[in-house]
Amino acid sequence: MDAPLSTPCNIQICEVTCDSFRIMWDMTPEDTARATHFFIDLSRKESRDPNRFKHRDVPTKLVAKAVPLPMAVRGHWFLSPRTEYCVAVQTAVRQPDGDYLVSEWSQVVEFCTGDYAMEHLQQLLDKAKGSAGRLLKFSVFYRNQHPDYFDNVRKECEGLMRPALKDSSGSHGSPINGKLQGVFFSCNTEFDTGLPPKDSPYGPLRFQIPAGHLLNPKICLYFADFYCMYTAYHYVVLVLAPVGSEGDTFCRTRLPMLDLASNPFLTYTAPQRPGEEPLYCHASDVILEVLFTEPVRLDLGSVEQISGHHQLMSLTTANAKKDPSCKVCNISVGR
């Protein structure tokens, strides 16, 4: 009778990305020489099934031929970014009759997958370019809120709209979610008037600021996300960060930078002749969410009541979840 296999121990996870990881563990030299297969049991932490499979149920789990460790695991379960997982391993020797001699299961180890890497954001950017549409002129950035918000800015914040941490809306793997602070603005205009829309889901008061205060040659522009919320229209998240600022430093290694003068979403064109004004344009077929990474002074613009409605809560994107089934805005990694 074959000697039993020892239980794998000292499980280590390394080189974790948004959709892959490497795993290794300690085995005795004798087991290393005899093992023909590894069984990997992986599940999301929040929905872990306590009844792990036994070796006769191998079609429900990953069975891999024994390879030198660490072993790469990628895509077998369509790993999602920023998601906590539990993993355990079992070593096995395939017998002549097709059955397996197996070790006991190892201890369970927990780990969390990472954010989208630059290559994944580039895929998302390429998809977003196809939905941007033509460029339309605009002249102001605007931000809608409720009266309490602006009262607090005036009384408690010395007239500064201070950056707040980006929520979890949009793609789960976007590197700015929960990590980058900023003040959100819109710039989309209506086709017939060329002005900001009369309605807003965010509040009845609108702060408007001339576009040049936020978009100029001293600003870096980054692409951060492309998503939808089970609707026909799509959102593109952009970041505006002053050159050399903390926000710029954060984005430079994490997000694709866009050319201010030549991109499909948001452009600045310098004056061509003395006395001319710069030209500002936004994409017509996507809704832009523009995150400015520095405080913005209220006295640089004006606050006025909008003429339309502000109870359009179905359009708010606060902590909105991305539609994982949309073929337009999803890429071939976790959502």
C-alpha atoms as a PDB file:
ATOM      1  CA  MET A   1       0.000   0.000   0.000  1.00  0.00           C
ATOM      2  CA  ASP A   2       1.300   3.468  -0.901  1.00  0.00           C
ATOM      3  CA  ALA A   3       2.317   5.703   1.973  1.00  0.00           C
ATOM      4  CA  PRO A   4      -0.131   8.566   2.597  1.00  0.00           C
ATOM      5  CA  LEU A   5       0.638  12.021   1.257  1.00  0.00           C
ATOM      6  CA  SER A   6       1.467  14.681   3.802  1.00  0.00           C
ATOM      7  CA  THR A   7      -0.840  17.667   4.178  1.00  0.00           C
ATOM      8  CA  PRO A   8       0.356  20.741   2.196  1.00  0.00           C
ATOM      9  CA  CYS A   9       1.454  23.476   4.593  1.00  0.00           C
ATOM     10  CA  ASN A  10       2.748  27.044   4.624  1.00  0.00           C
ATOM     11  CA  ILE A  11       0.458  28.133   1.772  1.00  0.00           C
ATOM     12  CA  GLN A  12       1.728  31.331   0.135  1.00  0.00           C
ATOM     13  CA  ILE A  13       0.016  33.584  -2.408  1.00  0.00           C
ATOM     14  CA  CYS A  14       2.101  35.943  -4.554  1.00  0.00           C
ATOM     15  CA  GLU A  15       2.024  38.026  -7.746  1.00  0.00           C
ATOM     16  CA  VAL A  16      -1.661  38.830  -7.282  1.00  0.00           C
ATOM     17  CA  THR A  17      -3.341  40.813 -10.074  1.00  0.00           C
ATOM     18  CA  CYS A  18      -6.991  41.618 -10.786  1.00  0.00           C
ATOM     19  CA  ASP A  19      -7.513  38.226 -12.455  1.00  0.00           C
ATOM     20  CA  SER A  20      -4.605  35.939 -11.529  1.00  0.00           C
ATOM     21  CA  PHE A  21      -2.266  34.832  -8.769  1.00  0.00           C
ATOM     22  CA  ARG A  22       0.514  32.378  -8.038  1.00  0.00           C
ATOM     23  CA  ILE A  23       0.325  29.827  -5.243  1.00  0.00           C
ATOM     24  CA  MET A  24       2.976  27.704  -3.555  1.00  0.00           C
ATOM     25  CA  TRP A  25       3.244  25.493  -0.486  1.00  0.00           C
ATOM     26  CA  ASP A  26       5.662  23.204   1.306  1.00  0.00           C
ATOM     27  CA  MET A  27       5.792  19.475   0.530  1.00  0.00           C
ATOM     28  CA  THR A  28       8.199  16.780   1.591  1.00  0.00           C
ATOM     29  CA  PRO A  29      10.785  15.783  -1.046  1.00  0.00           C
ATOM     30  CA  GLU A  30       9.095  12.373  -1.285  1.00  0.00           C
ATOM     31  CA  ASP A  31       5.686  13.923  -2.002  1.00  0.00           C
ATOM     32  CA  THR A  32       7.190  16.364  -4.487  1.00  0.00           C
ATOM     33  CA  ALA A  33       8.628  13.421  -6.406  1.00  0.00           C
ATOM     34  CA  ARG A  34       5.390  11.399  -6.419  1.00  0.00           C
ATOM     35  CA  ALA A  35       2.611  13.981  -6.795  1.00  0.00           C
ATOM     36  CA  THR A  36       1.002  13.887 -10.228  1.00  0.00           C
ATOM     37  CA  HIS A  37      -1.808  16.385  -9.664  1.00  0.00           C
ATOM     38  CA  PHE A  38      -2.838  19.348  -7.533  1.00  0.00           C
ATOM     39  CA  PHE A  39      -6.437  20.069  -6.567  1.00  0.00           C
ATOM     40  CA  ILE A  40      -7.232  23.749  -5.956  1.00  0.00           C
ATOM     41  CA  ASP A  41     -10.380  24.782  -4.090  1.00  0.00           C
ATOM     42  CA  LEU A  42     -11.150  28.484  -4.572  1.00  0.00           C
ATOM     43  CA  SER A  43     -14.244  30.492  -3.676  1.00  0.00           C
ATOM     44  CA  ARG A  44     -15.305  34.004  -2.801  1.00  0.00           C
ATOM     45  CA  LYS A  45     -14.900  34.649   0.882  1.00  0.00           C
ATOM     46  CA  GLU A  46     -18.445  35.889   1.428  1.00  0.00           C
ATOM     47  CA  SER A  47     -20.116  32.891  -0.195  1.00  0.00           C
ATOM     48  CA  ARG A  48     -17.773  30.054   0.632  1.00  0.00           C
ATOM     49  CA  ASP A  49     -19.272  26.568   0.486  1.00  0.00           C
ATOM     50  CA  PRO A  50     -18.061  24.696   3.568  1.00  0.00           C
ATOM     51  CA  ASN A  51     -18.458  21.337   1.831  1.00  0.00           C
ATOM     52  CA  ARG A  52     -15.249  21.130  -0.137  1.00  0.00           C
ATOM     53  CA  PHE A  53     -15.078  18.547  -2.863  1.00  0.00           C
ATOM     54  CA  LYS A  54     -13.565  15.114  -2.416  1.00  0.00           C
ATOM     55  CA  HIS A  55     -11.290  13.626  -5.043  1.00  0.00           C
ATOM     56  CA  ARG A  56     -14.130  11.753  -6.758  1.00  0.00           C
ATOM     57  CA  ASP A  57     -15.819  15.137  -7.483  1.00  0.00           C
ATOM     58  CA  VAL A  58     -12.918  16.613  -9.423  1.00  0.00           C
ATOM     59  CA  PRO A  59     -15.013  17.954 -12.356  1.00  0.00           C
ATOM     60  CA  THR A  60     -16.363  20.692 -10.029  1.00  0.00           C
ATOM     61  CA  LYS A  61     -12.921  22.068  -9.067  1.00  0.00           C
ATOM     62  CA  LEU A  62      -9.594  22.821 -10.679  1.00  0.00           C
ATOM     63  CA  VAL A  63      -7.417  19.771 -11.204  1.00  0.00           C
ATOM     64  CA  ALA A  64      -3.943  20.630 -12.469  1.00  0.00           C
ATOM     65  CA  LYS A  65      -1.057  18.430 -13.381  1.00  0.00           C
ATOM     66  CA  ALA A  66       1.747  18.818 -10.872  1.00  0.00           C
ATOM     67  CA  VAL A  67       4.130  21.583 -11.936  1.00  0.00           C
ATOM     68  CA  PRO A  68       7.055  23.292 -10.234  1.00  0.00           C
ATOM     69  CA  LEU A  69       5.812  25.771  -7.650  1.00  0.00           C
ATOM     70  CA  PRO A  70       4.712  28.546  -7.532  1.00  0.00           C
ATOM     71  CA  MET A  71       1.824  27.584  -9.830  1.00  0.00           C
ATOM     72  CA  ALA A  72      -0.030  30.246 -11.810  1.00  0.00           C
ATOM     73  CA  VAL A  73      -3.826  30.349 -11.483  1.00  0.00           C
ATOM     74  CA  ARG A  74      -5.561  32.577 -13.997  1.00  0.00           C
ATOM     75  CA  GLY A  75      -9.088  32.801 -15.316  1.00  0.00           C
ATOM     76  CA  HIS A  76     -10.342  29.411 -14.210  1.00  0.00           C
ATOM     77  CA  TRP A  77     -13.034  31.033 -12.082  1.00  0.00           C
ATOM     78  CA  PHE A  78     -13.153  34.407 -13.887  1.00  0.00           C
ATOM     79  CA  LEU A  79     -11.555  36.099 -10.904  1.00  0.00           C
ATOM     80  CA  SER A  80     -12.921  39.559 -10.158  1.00  0.00           C
ATOM     81  CA  PRO A  81     -10.842  42.584  -9.131  1.00  0.00           C
ATOM     82  CA  ARG A  82     -10.746  43.744  -5.505  1.00  0.00           C
ATOM     83  CA  THR A  83     -12.480  40.580  -4.308  1.00  0.00           C
ATOM     84  CA  GLU A  84     -11.613  38.474  -1.275  1.00  0.00           C
ATOM     85  CA  TYR A  85     -11.121  34.776  -1.938  1.00  0.00           C
ATOM     86  CA  CYS A  86     -10.433  31.641   0.116  1.00  0.00           C
ATOM     87  CA  VAL A  87      -8.142  28.978  -1.267  1.00  0.00           C
ATOM     88  CA  ALA A  88      -7.007  25.522  -0.111  1.00  0.00           C
ATOM     89  CA  VAL A  89      -4.916  22.857  -1.854  1.00  0.00           C
ATOM     90  CA  GLN A  90      -4.659  19.107  -1.934  1.00  0.00           C
ATOM     91  CA  THR A  91      -1.922  17.019  -3.540  1.00  0.00           C
ATOM     92  CA  ALA A  92      -2.702  13.768  -5.336  1.00  0.00           C
ATOM     93  CA  VAL A  93      -1.157  10.770  -7.030  1.00  0.00           C
ATOM     94  CA  ARG A  94      -3.133   9.299  -9.914  1.00  0.00           C
ATOM     95  CA  GLN A  95      -3.432   5.548  -9.591  1.00  0.00           C
ATOM     96  CA  PRO A  96      -3.348   3.035 -12.477  1.00  0.00           C
ATOM     97  CA  ASP A  97      -7.101   2.469 -12.080  1.00  0.00           C
ATOM     98  CA  GLY A  98      -7.780   6.196 -12.528  1.00  0.00           C
ATOM     99  CA  ASP A  99      -8.527   6.876  -8.899  1.00  0.00           C
ATOM    100  CA  TYR A 100      -6.460   9.276  -6.793  1.00  0.00           C
ATOM    101  CA  LEU A 101      -4.456   8.913  -3.637  1.00  0.00           C
ATOM    102  CA  VAL A 102      -4.925  12.315  -1.995  1.00  0.00           C
ATOM    103  CA  SER A 103      -3.561  14.288   0.906  1.00  0.00           C
ATOM    104  CA  GLU A 104      -5.665  16.030   3.492  1.00  0.00           C
ATOM    105  CA  TRP A 105      -6.781  19.537   2.579  1.00  0.00           C
ATOM    106  CA  SER A 106      -4.422  22.297   3.559  1.00  0.00           C
ATOM    107  CA  GLN A 107      -5.411  25.154   5.794  1.00  0.00           C
ATOM    108  CA  VAL A 108      -7.588  27.800   4.130  1.00  0.00           C
ATOM    109  CA  VAL A 109      -5.753  30.966   3.095  1.00  0.00           C
ATOM    110  CA  GLU A 110      -7.461  34.258   2.275  1.00  0.00           C
ATOM    111  CA  PHE A 111      -6.294  36.872  -0.215  1.00  0.00           C
ATOM    112  CA  CYS A 112      -7.687  39.787  -2.207  1.00  0.00           C
ATOM    113  CA  THR A 113      -7.288  40.384  -5.918  1.00  0.00           C
ATOM    114  CA  GLY A 114      -5.945  43.711  -7.168  1.00  0.00           C
ATOM    115  CA  ASP A 115      -7.105  46.676  -9.245  1.00  0.00           C
ATOM    116  CA  TYR A 116      -7.128  46.861 -13.011  1.00  0.00           C
ATOM    117  CA  ALA A 117      -3.590  47.199 -14.303  1.00  0.00           C
ATOM    118  CA  MET A 118      -2.680  49.746 -16.964  1.00  0.00           C
ATOM    119  CA  GLU A 119      -3.190  47.153 -19.704  1.00  0.00           C
ATOM    120  CA  HIS A 120      -6.762  46.503 -18.561  1.00  0.00           C
ATOM    121  CA  LEU A 121      -7.555  50.216 -18.406  1.00  0.00           C
ATOM    122  CA  GLN A 122      -6.172  50.572 -21.910  1.00  0.00           C
ATOM    123  CA  GLN A 123      -8.641  47.891 -23.076  1.00  0.00           C
ATOM    124  CA  LEU A 124     -11.442  49.794 -21.351  1.00  0.00           C
ATOM    125  CA  LEU A 125     -10.248  53.046 -22.914  1.00  0.00           C
ATOM    126  CA  ASP A 126     -10.257  51.484 -26.377  1.00  0.00           C
ATOM    127  CA  LYS A 127     -13.865  50.400 -25.857  1.00  0.00           C
ATOM    128  CA  ALA A 128     -14.865  53.832 -24.573  1.00  0.00           C
ATOM    129  CA  LYS A 129     -13.406  55.525 -27.646  1.00  0.00           C
ATOM    130  CA  GLY A 130     -15.907  53.654 -29.804  1.00  0.00           C
ATOM    131  CA  SER A 131     -18.841  55.123 -27.870  1.00  0.00           C
ATOM    132  CA  ALA A 132     -17.706  58.728 -27.452  1.00  0.00           C
ATOM    133  CA  GLY A 133     -19.360  60.293 -30.488  1.00  0.00           C
ATOM    134  CA  ARG A 134     -18.531  63.699 -31.910  1.00  0.00           C
ATOM    135  CA  LEU A 135     -17.158  66.600 -29.888  1.00  0.00           C
ATOM    136  CA  LEU A 136     -19.399  69.491 -28.810  1.00  0.00           C
ATOM    137  CA  LYS A 137     -18.327  72.878 -27.501  1.00  0.00           C
ATOM    138  CA  PHE A 138     -18.895  73.817 -23.860  1.00  0.00           C
ATOM    139  CA  SER A 139     -17.865  76.703 -21.634  1.00  0.00           C
ATOM    140  CA  VAL A 140     -18.517  75.708 -18.010  1.00  0.00           C
ATOM    141  CA  PHE A 141     -18.080  72.818 -15.635  1.00  0.00           C
ATOM    142  CA  TYR A 142     -20.961  72.408 -13.202  1.00  0.00           C
ATOM    143  CA  ARG A 143     -21.824  70.564 -10.009  1.00  0.00           C
ATOM    144  CA  ASN A 144     -25.326  70.091  -8.578  1.00  0.00           C
ATOM    145  CA  GLN A 145     -25.955  69.671  -4.868  1.00  0.00           C
ATOM    146  CA  HIS A 146     -28.557  70.388  -2.200  1.00  0.00           C
ATOM    147  CA  PRO A 147     -28.616  73.706  -0.297  1.00  0.00           C
ATOM    148  CA  ASP A 148     -27.142  72.102   2.840  1.00  0.00           C
ATOM    149  CA  TYR A 149     -24.009  71.186   0.907  1.00  0.00           C
ATOM    150  CA  PHE A 150     -23.300  74.744  -0.221  1.00  0.00           C
ATOM    151  CA  ASP A 151     -24.212  76.144   3.213  1.00  0.00           C
ATOM    152  CA  ASN A 152     -21.634  73.815   4.751  1.00  0.00           C
ATOM    153  CA  VAL A 153     -19.008  74.838   2.183  1.00  0.00           C
ATOM    154  CA  ARG A 154     -19.517  78.494   3.053  1.00  0.00           C
ATOM    155  CA  LYS A 155     -19.751  78.160   6.845  1.00  0.00           C
ATOM    156  CA  GLU A 156     -17.481  75.210   7.671  1.00  0.00           C
ATOM    157  CA  CYS A 157     -15.047  74.940   4.756  1.00  0.00           C
ATOM    158  CA  GLU A 158     -14.079  78.578   4.189  1.00  0.00           C
ATOM    159  CA  GLY A 159     -15.748  78.605   0.806  1.00  0.00           C
ATOM    160  CA  LEU A 160     -13.809  75.585  -0.479  1.00  0.00           C
ATOM    161  CA  MET A 161     -15.405  72.530  -2.047  1.00  0.00           C
ATOM    162  CA  ARG A 162     -13.012  69.981  -0.614  1.00  0.00           C
ATOM    163  CA  PRO A 163     -12.102  66.680  -2.297  1.00  0.00           C
ATOM    164  CA  ALA A 164     -13.906  63.558  -1.079  1.00  0.00           C
ATOM    165  CA  LEU A 165     -12.937  59.919  -1.530  1.00  0.00           C
ATOM    166  CA  LYS A 166     -14.219  58.387  -4.772  1.00  0.00           C
ATOM    167  CA  ASP A 167     -17.004  55.892  -4.061  1.00  0.00           C
ATOM    168  CA  SER A 168     -17.331  52.352  -5.446  1.00  0.00           C
ATOM    169  CA  SER A 169     -19.502  53.213  -8.463  1.00  0.00           C
ATOM    170  CA  GLY A 170     -18.524  51.988 -11.911  1.00  0.00           C
ATOM    171  CA  SER A 171     -16.059  49.206 -12.669  1.00  0.00           C
ATOM    172  CA  HIS A 172     -15.105  47.278  -9.561  1.00  0.00           C
ATOM    173  CA  GLY A 173     -11.455  47.246 -10.627  1.00  0.00           C
ATOM    174  CA  SER A 174     -10.976  50.968 -11.271  1.00  0.00           C
ATOM    175  CA  PRO A 175      -7.845  52.048  -9.344  1.00  0.00           C
ATOM    176  CA  ILE A 176      -9.440  55.296  -8.157  1.00  0.00           C
ATOM    177  CA  ASN A 177     -12.369  53.687  -6.303  1.00  0.00           C
ATOM    178  CA  GLY A 178     -11.939  54.277  -2.589  1.00  0.00           C
ATOM    179  CA  LYS A 179      -8.402  55.571  -3.113  1.00  0.00           C
ATOM    180  CA  LEU A 180      -8.412  58.913  -4.910  1.00  0.00           C
ATOM    181  CA  GLN A 181     -10.009  62.083  -3.581  1.00  0.00           C
ATOM    182  CA  GLY A 182     -11.588  64.739  -5.736  1.00  0.00           C
ATOM    183  CA  VAL A 183     -14.563  66.961  -6.494  1.00  0.00           C
ATOM    184  CA  PHE A 184     -16.892  65.680  -9.221  1.00  0.00           C
ATOM    185  CA  PHE A 185     -18.067  67.925 -12.049  1.00  0.00           C
ATOM    186  CA  SER A 186     -20.116  67.510 -15.205  1.00  0.00           C
ATOM    187  CA  CYS A 187     -19.713  69.301 -18.522  1.00  0.00           C
ATOM    188  CA  ASN A 188     -22.240  67.657 -20.862  1.00  0.00           C
ATOM    189  CA  THR A 189     -24.530  70.054 -22.704  1.00  0.00           C
ATOM    190  CA  GLU A 190     -27.879  69.726 -24.441  1.00  0.00           C
ATOM    191  CA  PHE A 191     -27.867  69.397 -28.225  1.00  0.00           C
ATOM    192  CA  ASP A 192     -30.407  72.124 -28.886  1.00  0.00           C
ATOM    193  CA  THR A 193     -29.086  74.816 -26.546  1.00  0.00           C
ATOM    194  CA  GLY A 194     -25.405  74.070 -26.034  1.00  0.00           C
ATOM    195  CA  LEU A 195     -26.035  74.692 -22.323  1.00  0.00           C
ATOM    196  CA  PRO A 196     -25.984  72.364 -19.305  1.00  0.00           C
ATOM    197  CA  PRO A 197     -29.216  70.355 -18.912  1.00  0.00           C
ATOM    198  CA  LYS A 198     -32.033  71.878 -16.869  1.00  0.00           C
ATOM    199  CA  ASP A 199     -32.487  68.752 -14.728  1.00  0.00           C
ATOM    200  CA  SER A 200     -30.201  66.976 -12.266  1.00  0.00           C
ATOM    201  CA  PRO A 201     -30.491  63.979  -9.903  1.00  0.00           C
ATOM    202  CA  TYR A 202     -27.995  65.484  -7.467  1.00  0.00           C
ATOM    203  CA  GLY A 203     -29.753  68.608  -6.200  1.00  0.00           C
ATOM    204  CA  PRO A 204     -31.632  71.810  -7.145  1.00  0.00           C
ATOM    205  CA  LEU A 205     -28.621  74.145  -6.827  1.00  0.00           C
ATOM    206  CA  ARG A 206     -25.897  74.268  -9.462  1.00  0.00           C
ATOM    207  CA  PHE A 207     -22.378  75.609  -9.114  1.00  0.00           C
ATOM    208  CA  GLN A 208     -20.945  76.700 -12.465  1.00  0.00           C
ATOM    209  CA  ILE A 209     -17.311  77.561 -13.074  1.00  0.00           C
ATOM    210  CA  PRO A 210     -15.634  78.745 -16.300  1.00  0.00           C
ATOM    211  CA  ALA A 211     -14.016  75.743 -17.975  1.00  0.00           C
ATOM    212  CA  GLY A 212     -10.558  77.314 -18.000  1.00  0.00           C
ATOM    213  CA  HIS A 213     -10.236  77.120 -14.219  1.00  0.00           C
ATOM    214  CA  LEU A 214     -10.222  73.319 -14.345  1.00  0.00           C
ATOM    215  CA  LEU A 215      -9.044  72.554 -17.894  1.00  0.00           C
ATOM    216  CA  ASN A 216      -5.853  74.288 -19.057  1.00  0.00           C
ATOM    217  CA  PRO A 217      -2.237  73.464 -19.982  1.00  0.00           C
ATOM    218  CA  LYS A 218      -1.270  73.171 -16.303  1.00  0.00           C
ATOM    219  CA  ILE A 219      -3.660  70.235 -15.866  1.00  0.00           C
ATOM    220  CA  CYS A 220      -3.103  66.539 -16.614  1.00  0.00           C
ATOM    221  CA  LEU A 221      -6.043  64.526 -17.959  1.00  0.00           C
ATOM    222  CA  TYR A 222      -6.462  60.818 -17.194  1.00  0.00           C
ATOM    223  CA  PHE A 223      -8.956  58.114 -18.195  1.00  0.00           C
ATOM    224  CA  ALA A 224     -10.304  56.201 -15.167  1.00  0.00           C
ATOM    225  CA  ASP A 225     -13.414  54.196 -16.118  1.00  0.00           C
ATOM    226  CA  PHE A 226     -16.125  53.300 -18.642  1.00  0.00           C
ATOM    227  CA  TYR A 227     -19.385  51.766 -17.448  1.00  0.00           C
ATOM    228  CA  CYS A 228     -23.171  51.632 -17.608  1.00  0.00           C
ATOM    229  CA  MET A 229     -25.941  50.874 -15.115  1.00  0.00           C
ATOM    230  CA  TYR A 230     -28.212  48.539 -17.114  1.00  0.00           C
ATOM    231  CA  THR A 231     -29.055  51.444 -19.410  1.00  0.00           C
ATOM    232  CA  ALA A 232     -28.417  52.311 -23.043  1.00  0.00           C
ATOM    233  CA  TYR A 233     -26.182  55.260 -22.223  1.00  0.00           C
ATOM    234  CA  HIS A 234     -22.655  54.983 -20.853  1.00  0.00           C
ATOM    235  CA  TYR A 235     -20.468  56.919 -18.462  1.00  0.00           C
ATOM    236  CA  VAL A 236     -16.798  57.841 -18.840  1.00  0.00           C
ATOM    237  CA  VAL A 237     -14.880  58.853 -15.713  1.00  0.00           C
ATOM    238  CA  LEU A 238     -11.997  61.279 -16.246  1.00  0.00           C
ATOM    239  CA  VAL A 239      -9.538  62.739 -13.750  1.00  0.00           C
ATOM    240  CA  LEU A 240      -8.174  66.293 -13.924  1.00  0.00           C
ATOM    241  CA  ALA A 241      -5.075  66.776 -11.764  1.00  0.00           C
ATOM    242  CA  PRO A 242      -2.792  69.821 -11.649  1.00  0.00           C
ATOM    243  CA  VAL A 243       0.687  68.970 -12.910  1.00  0.00           C
ATOM    244  CA  GLY A 244       2.896  67.758 -10.051  1.00  0.00           C
ATOM    245  CA  SER A 245       0.032  67.536  -7.539  1.00  0.00           C
ATOM    246  CA  GLU A 246      -0.605  64.586  -5.261  1.00  0.00           C
ATOM    247  CA  GLY A 247      -3.449  63.514  -7.542  1.00  0.00           C
ATOM    248  CA  ASP A 248      -1.171  63.688 -10.571  1.00  0.00           C
ATOM    249  CA  THR A 249       1.414  61.519  -8.814  1.00  0.00           C
ATOM    250  CA  PHE A 250      -1.257  58.957  -7.923  1.00  0.00           C
ATOM    251  CA  CYS A 251      -2.671  58.772 -11.449  1.00  0.00           C
ATOM    252  CA  ARG A 252       0.586  58.794 -13.395  1.00  0.00           C
ATOM    253  CA  THR A 253       1.435  55.148 -12.705  1.00  0.00           C
ATOM    254  CA  ARG A 254      -2.148  53.845 -12.538  1.00  0.00           C
ATOM    255  CA  LEU A 255      -4.219  55.498 -15.273  1.00  0.00           C
ATOM    256  CA  PRO A 256      -3.762  56.149 -19.016  1.00  0.00           C
ATOM    257  CA  MET A 257      -2.945  59.805 -19.638  1.00  0.00           C
ATOM    258  CA  LEU A 258      -4.836  61.581 -22.420  1.00  0.00           C
ATOM    259  CA  ASP A 259      -3.620  64.359 -24.689  1.00  0.00           C
ATOM    260  CA  LEU A 260      -5.500  67.529 -23.730  1.00  0.00           C
ATOM    261  CA  ALA A 261      -5.706  68.670 -27.341  1.00  0.00           C
ATOM    262  CA  SER A 262      -6.473  65.330 -28.993  1.00  0.00           C
ATOM    263  CA  ASN A 263      -8.717  62.733 -27.352  1.00  0.00           C
ATOM    264  CA  PRO A 264     -12.344  61.644 -27.896  1.00  0.00           C
ATOM    265  CA  PHE A 265     -13.730  62.801 -24.536  1.00  0.00           C
ATOM    266  CA  LEU A 266     -12.610  66.190 -23.258  1.00  0.00           C
ATOM    267  CA  THR A 267     -10.337  68.623 -25.084  1.00  0.00           C
ATOM    268  CA  TYR A 268      -8.633  71.970 -24.629  1.00  0.00           C
ATOM    269  CA  THR A 269      -7.488  73.848 -27.740  1.00  0.00           C
ATOM    270  CA  ALA A 270      -5.248  76.846 -27.168  1.00  0.00           C
ATOM    271  CA  PRO A 271      -6.104  80.169 -28.845  1.00  0.00           C
ATOM    272  CA  GLN A 272      -4.769  80.365 -32.392  1.00  0.00           C
ATOM    273  CA  ARG A 273      -4.557  84.173 -32.563  1.00  0.00           C
ATOM    274  CA  PRO A 274      -4.178  87.040 -30.073  1.00  0.00           C
ATOM    275  CA  GLY A 275      -7.493  87.952 -28.501  1.00  0.00           C
ATOM    276  CA  GLU A 276      -9.091  84.553 -29.137  1.00  0.00           C
ATOM    277  CA  GLU A 277     -10.466  82.364 -26.351  1.00  0.00           C
ATOM    278  CA  PRO A 278      -9.485  78.710 -25.815  1.00  0.00           C
ATOM    279  CA  LEU A 279     -11.884  76.093 -27.197  1.00  0.00           C
ATOM    280  CA  TYR A 280     -13.325  73.433 -24.878  1.00  0.00           C
ATOM    281  CA  CYS A 281     -15.141  70.344 -26.174  1.00  0.00           C
ATOM    282  CA  HIS A 282     -16.829  67.290 -24.651  1.00  0.00           C
ATOM    283  CA  ALA A 283     -17.931  63.940 -26.099  1.00  0.00           C
ATOM    284  CA  SER A 284     -21.564  63.960 -27.205  1.00  0.00           C
ATOM    285  CA  ASP A 285     -22.572  60.305 -26.801  1.00  0.00           C
ATOM    286  CA  VAL A 286     -21.319  59.471 -23.301  1.00  0.00           C
ATOM    287  CA  ILE A 287     -21.943  61.102 -19.930  1.00  0.00           C
ATOM    288  CA  LEU A 288     -18.688  62.487 -18.563  1.00  0.00           C
ATOM    289  CA  GLU A 289     -17.940  62.381 -14.847  1.00  0.00           C
ATOM    290  CA  VAL A 290     -14.933  64.618 -14.253  1.00  0.00           C
ATOM    291  CA  LEU A 291     -13.017  64.303 -10.974  1.00  0.00           C
ATOM    292  CA  PHE A 292     -10.881  67.338 -10.102  1.00  0.00           C
ATOM    293  CA  THR A 293      -8.332  66.360  -7.471  1.00  0.00           C
ATOM    294  CA  GLU A 294      -7.873  69.719  -5.712  1.00  0.00           C
ATOM    295  CA  PRO A 295     -10.221  71.955  -3.662  1.00  0.00           C
ATOM    296  CA  VAL A 296     -12.318  74.381  -5.705  1.00  0.00           C
ATOM    297  CA  ARG A 297     -13.278  77.820  -4.433  1.00  0.00           C
ATOM    298  CA  LEU A 298     -16.934  78.828  -4.643  1.00  0.00           C
ATOM    299  CA  ASP A 299     -15.977  82.411  -5.497  1.00  0.00           C
ATOM    300  CA  LEU A 300     -14.498  81.210  -8.808  1.00  0.00           C
ATOM    301  CA  GLY A 301     -18.031  80.568 -10.071  1.00  0.00           C
ATOM    302  CA  SER A 302     -21.684  81.039  -9.213  1.00  0.00           C
ATOM    303  CA  VAL A 303     -24.417  79.026  -7.494  1.00  0.00           C
ATOM    304  CA  GLU A 304     -27.922  79.202  -8.940  1.00  0.00           C
ATOM    305  CA  GLN A 305     -31.226  77.330  -8.838  1.00  0.00           C
ATOM    306  CA  ILE A 306     -31.817  75.037 -11.820  1.00  0.00           C
ATOM    307  CA  SER A 307     -34.975  75.559 -13.819  1.00  0.00           C
ATOM    308  CA  GLY A 308     -35.806  71.874 -14.214  1.00  0.00           C
ATOM    309  CA  HIS A 309     -36.343  68.985 -11.829  1.00  0.00           C
ATOM    310  CA  HIS A 310     -33.863  67.478  -9.427  1.00  0.00           C
ATOM    311  CA  GLN A 311     -35.722  64.331  -8.322  1.00  0.00           C
ATOM    312  CA  LEU A 312     -34.279  62.133 -11.087  1.00  0.00           C
ATOM    313  CA  MET A 313     -32.767  59.699  -8.587  1.00  0.00           C
ATOM    314  CA  SER A 314     -32.724  56.881 -11.136  1.00  0.00           C
ATOM    315  CA  LEU A 315     -29.915  58.735 -12.879  1.00  0.00           C
ATOM    316  CA  THR A 316     -27.656  59.157  -9.870  1.00  0.00           C
ATOM    317  CA  THR A 317     -24.410  57.165 -10.024  1.00  0.00           C
ATOM    318  CA  ALA A 318     -23.615  57.172  -6.293  1.00  0.00           C
ATOM    319  CA  ASN A 319     -22.197  53.710  -5.547  1.00  0.00           C
ATOM    320  CA  ALA A 320     -23.867  52.456  -8.738  1.00  0.00           C
ATOM    321  CA  LYS A 321     -22.948  48.939  -9.827  1.00  0.00           C
ATOM    322  CA  LYS A 322     -21.733  48.261 -13.333  1.00  0.00           C
ATOM    323  CA  ASP A 323     -23.799  46.010 -15.587  1.00  0.00           C
ATOM    324  CA  PRO A 324     -21.595  42.878 -15.883  1.00  0.00           C
ATOM    325  CA  SER A 325     -23.478  41.635 -18.961  1.00  0.00           C
ATOM    326  CA  CYS A 326     -22.949  44.698 -21.170  1.00  0.00           C
ATOM    327  CA  LYS A 327     -20.808  43.841 -24.187  1.00  0.00           C
ATOM    328  CA  VAL A 328     -20.040  47.507 -24.860  1.00  0.00           C
ATOM    329  CA  CYS A 329     -18.239  48.406 -21.623  1.00  0.00           C
ATOM    330  CA  ASN A 330     -16.864  45.149 -20.214  1.00  0.00           C
ATOM    331  CA  ILE A 331     -13.436  43.686 -20.899  1.00  0.00           C
ATOM    332  CA  SER A 332     -12.124  40.136 -20.695  1.00  0.00           C
ATOM    333  CA  VAL A 333     -11.198  40.249 -17.012  1.00  0.00           C
ATOM    334  CA  GLY A 334     -13.317  40.532 -13.867  1.00  0.00           C
ATOM    335  CA  ARG A 335     -15.873  43.363 -13.753  1.00  0.00           C
END
